[in-house]
């Protein structure tokens, strides 16, 4: 799928869907909980999230940035700011 042709809102929705799958959490819970409270959001989980972000947004997010994101919305705000 050509993600770069999708609007940012659609890419964010796809990010939420894929993250909820790999982190084994519902999409609604992903929006509510702190990232640090998600068991699957360990170093391997962060690698998988970074790969999804790279695919969807053509942006290589570093682990310090992922560590600093307390909520899913923080990750979204970083990605929207990067354009």
C-alpha atoms as a PDB file:
ATOM      1  CA  UNK A   1       0.000   0.000   0.000  1.00  0.00           C
ATOM      2  CA  UNK A   2       1.245   3.504  -0.813  1.00  0.00           C
ATOM      3  CA  UNK A   3       0.927   5.211   2.548  1.00  0.00           C
ATOM      4  CA  UNK A   4       2.475   8.500   1.429  1.00  0.00           C
ATOM      5  CA  UNK A   5      -0.634   9.214  -0.653  1.00  0.00           C
ATOM      6  CA  UNK A   6      -2.915   8.969   2.390  1.00  0.00           C
ATOM      7  CA  UNK A   7      -3.942  11.944   4.498  1.00  0.00           C
ATOM      8  CA  UNK A   8      -2.309  12.341   7.919  1.00  0.00           C
ATOM      9  CA  UNK A   9      -5.591  11.405   9.635  1.00  0.00           C
ATOM     10  CA  UNK A  10      -5.786   8.140   7.724  1.00  0.00           C
ATOM     11  CA  UNK A  11      -2.140   7.358   8.504  1.00  0.00           C
ATOM     12  CA  UNK A  12      -2.741   8.078  12.218  1.00  0.00           C
ATOM     13  CA  UNK A  13      -5.760   5.726  12.158  1.00  0.00           C
ATOM     14  CA  UNK A  14      -3.624   3.043  10.510  1.00  0.00           C
ATOM     15  CA  UNK A  15      -0.870   3.623  13.081  1.00  0.00           C
ATOM     16  CA  UNK A  16      -3.385   3.169  15.900  1.00  0.00           C
ATOM     17  CA  UNK A  17      -4.697  -0.031  14.320  1.00  0.00           C
ATOM     18  CA  UNK A  18      -1.252  -1.544  13.783  1.00  0.00           C
ATOM     19  CA  UNK A  19       0.082  -0.457  17.185  1.00  0.00           C
ATOM     20  CA  UNK A  20      -2.926  -1.939  18.965  1.00  0.00           C
ATOM     21  CA  UNK A  21      -2.292  -5.235  17.184  1.00  0.00           C
ATOM     22  CA  UNK A  22       1.412  -5.501  17.992  1.00  0.00           C
ATOM     23  CA  UNK A  23       1.020  -4.165  21.529  1.00  0.00           C
ATOM     24  CA  UNK A  24      -1.978  -6.436  22.173  1.00  0.00           C
ATOM     25  CA  UNK A  25      -4.216  -3.640  23.432  1.00  0.00           C
ATOM     26  CA  UNK A  26      -7.515  -2.294  22.155  1.00  0.00           C
ATOM     27  CA  UNK A  27      -7.480   0.897  20.108  1.00  0.00           C
ATOM     28  CA  UNK A  28      -9.599   2.677  22.716  1.00  0.00           C
ATOM     29  CA  UNK A  29      -7.245   1.621  25.538  1.00  0.00           C
ATOM     30  CA  UNK A  30      -4.233   2.681  23.474  1.00  0.00           C
ATOM     31  CA  UNK A  31      -5.632   6.211  23.473  1.00  0.00           C
ATOM     32  CA  UNK A  32      -6.196   6.213  27.253  1.00  0.00           C
ATOM     33  CA  UNK A  33      -3.263   4.531  28.975  1.00  0.00           C
ATOM     34  CA  UNK A  34       0.309   5.649  29.501  1.00  0.00           C
ATOM     35  CA  UNK A  35       2.642   3.974  27.055  1.00  0.00           C
ATOM     36  CA  UNK A  36       4.828   2.811  29.964  1.00  0.00           C
ATOM     37  CA  UNK A  37       1.862   0.840  31.333  1.00  0.00           C
ATOM     38  CA  UNK A  38       1.619  -1.313  28.189  1.00  0.00           C
ATOM     39  CA  UNK A  39       3.490  -4.560  28.854  1.00  0.00           C
ATOM     40  CA  UNK A  40       4.252  -5.174  25.182  1.00  0.00           C
ATOM     41  CA  UNK A  41       5.740  -1.669  24.787  1.00  0.00           C
ATOM     42  CA  UNK A  42       9.182  -2.919  25.724  1.00  0.00           C
ATOM     43  CA  UNK A  43      12.333  -2.544  23.623  1.00  0.00           C
ATOM     44  CA  UNK A  44      11.053  -4.998  21.005  1.00  0.00           C
ATOM     45  CA  UNK A  45       7.674  -3.274  20.976  1.00  0.00           C
ATOM     46  CA  UNK A  46       9.367   0.096  20.426  1.00  0.00           C
ATOM     47  CA  UNK A  47      11.368  -1.341  17.523  1.00  0.00           C
ATOM     48  CA  UNK A  48       8.130  -2.583  15.951  1.00  0.00           C
ATOM     49  CA  UNK A  49       6.398   0.767  16.533  1.00  0.00           C
ATOM     50  CA  UNK A  50       9.344   2.620  14.989  1.00  0.00           C
ATOM     51  CA  UNK A  51       9.167   0.374  11.902  1.00  0.00           C
ATOM     52  CA  UNK A  52       5.437   1.053  11.529  1.00  0.00           C
ATOM     53  CA  UNK A  53       6.064   4.793  11.843  1.00  0.00           C
ATOM     54  CA  UNK A  54       8.836   4.627   9.266  1.00  0.00           C
ATOM     55  CA  UNK A  55       6.557   2.779   6.843  1.00  0.00           C
ATOM     56  CA  UNK A  56       3.526   5.012   7.346  1.00  0.00           C
ATOM     57  CA  UNK A  57       5.209   8.397   7.719  1.00  0.00           C
ATOM     58  CA  UNK A  58       8.600   7.921   6.045  1.00  0.00           C
ATOM     59  CA  UNK A  59      10.129   9.239   9.270  1.00  0.00           C
ATOM     60  CA  UNK A  60      12.756   7.510  11.379  1.00  0.00           C
ATOM     61  CA  UNK A  61      11.747   8.148  14.966  1.00  0.00           C
ATOM     62  CA  UNK A  62      14.456   7.585  17.560  1.00  0.00           C
ATOM     63  CA  UNK A  63      13.993   5.622  20.758  1.00  0.00           C
ATOM     64  CA  UNK A  64      14.548   8.671  22.981  1.00  0.00           C
ATOM     65  CA  UNK A  65      11.542  10.277  21.323  1.00  0.00           C
ATOM     66  CA  UNK A  66       9.468   7.136  21.796  1.00  0.00           C
ATOM     67  CA  UNK A  67      10.574   6.954  25.434  1.00  0.00           C
ATOM     68  CA  UNK A  68       9.558  10.561  26.020  1.00  0.00           C
ATOM     69  CA  UNK A  69       6.034   9.972  24.655  1.00  0.00           C
ATOM     70  CA  UNK A  70       3.776   9.293  27.615  1.00  0.00           C
ATOM     71  CA  UNK A  71       0.614   8.734  25.573  1.00  0.00           C
ATOM     72  CA  UNK A  72      -0.318   7.649  22.059  1.00  0.00           C
ATOM     73  CA  UNK A  73      -1.419  11.245  21.433  1.00  0.00           C
ATOM     74  CA  UNK A  74       2.149  12.411  22.143  1.00  0.00           C
ATOM     75  CA  UNK A  75       3.429  10.145  19.374  1.00  0.00           C
ATOM     76  CA  UNK A  76       0.730  11.477  17.037  1.00  0.00           C
ATOM     77  CA  UNK A  77       1.625  15.092  17.846  1.00  0.00           C
ATOM     78  CA  UNK A  78       5.288  14.421  17.062  1.00  0.00           C
ATOM     79  CA  UNK A  79       4.384  12.865  13.718  1.00  0.00           C
ATOM     80  CA  UNK A  80       1.960  15.624  12.740  1.00  0.00           C
ATOM     81  CA  UNK A  81       4.604  18.243  13.608  1.00  0.00           C
ATOM     82  CA  UNK A  82       7.115  16.463  11.353  1.00  0.00           C
ATOM     83  CA  UNK A  83       4.638  16.739   8.498  1.00  0.00           C
END
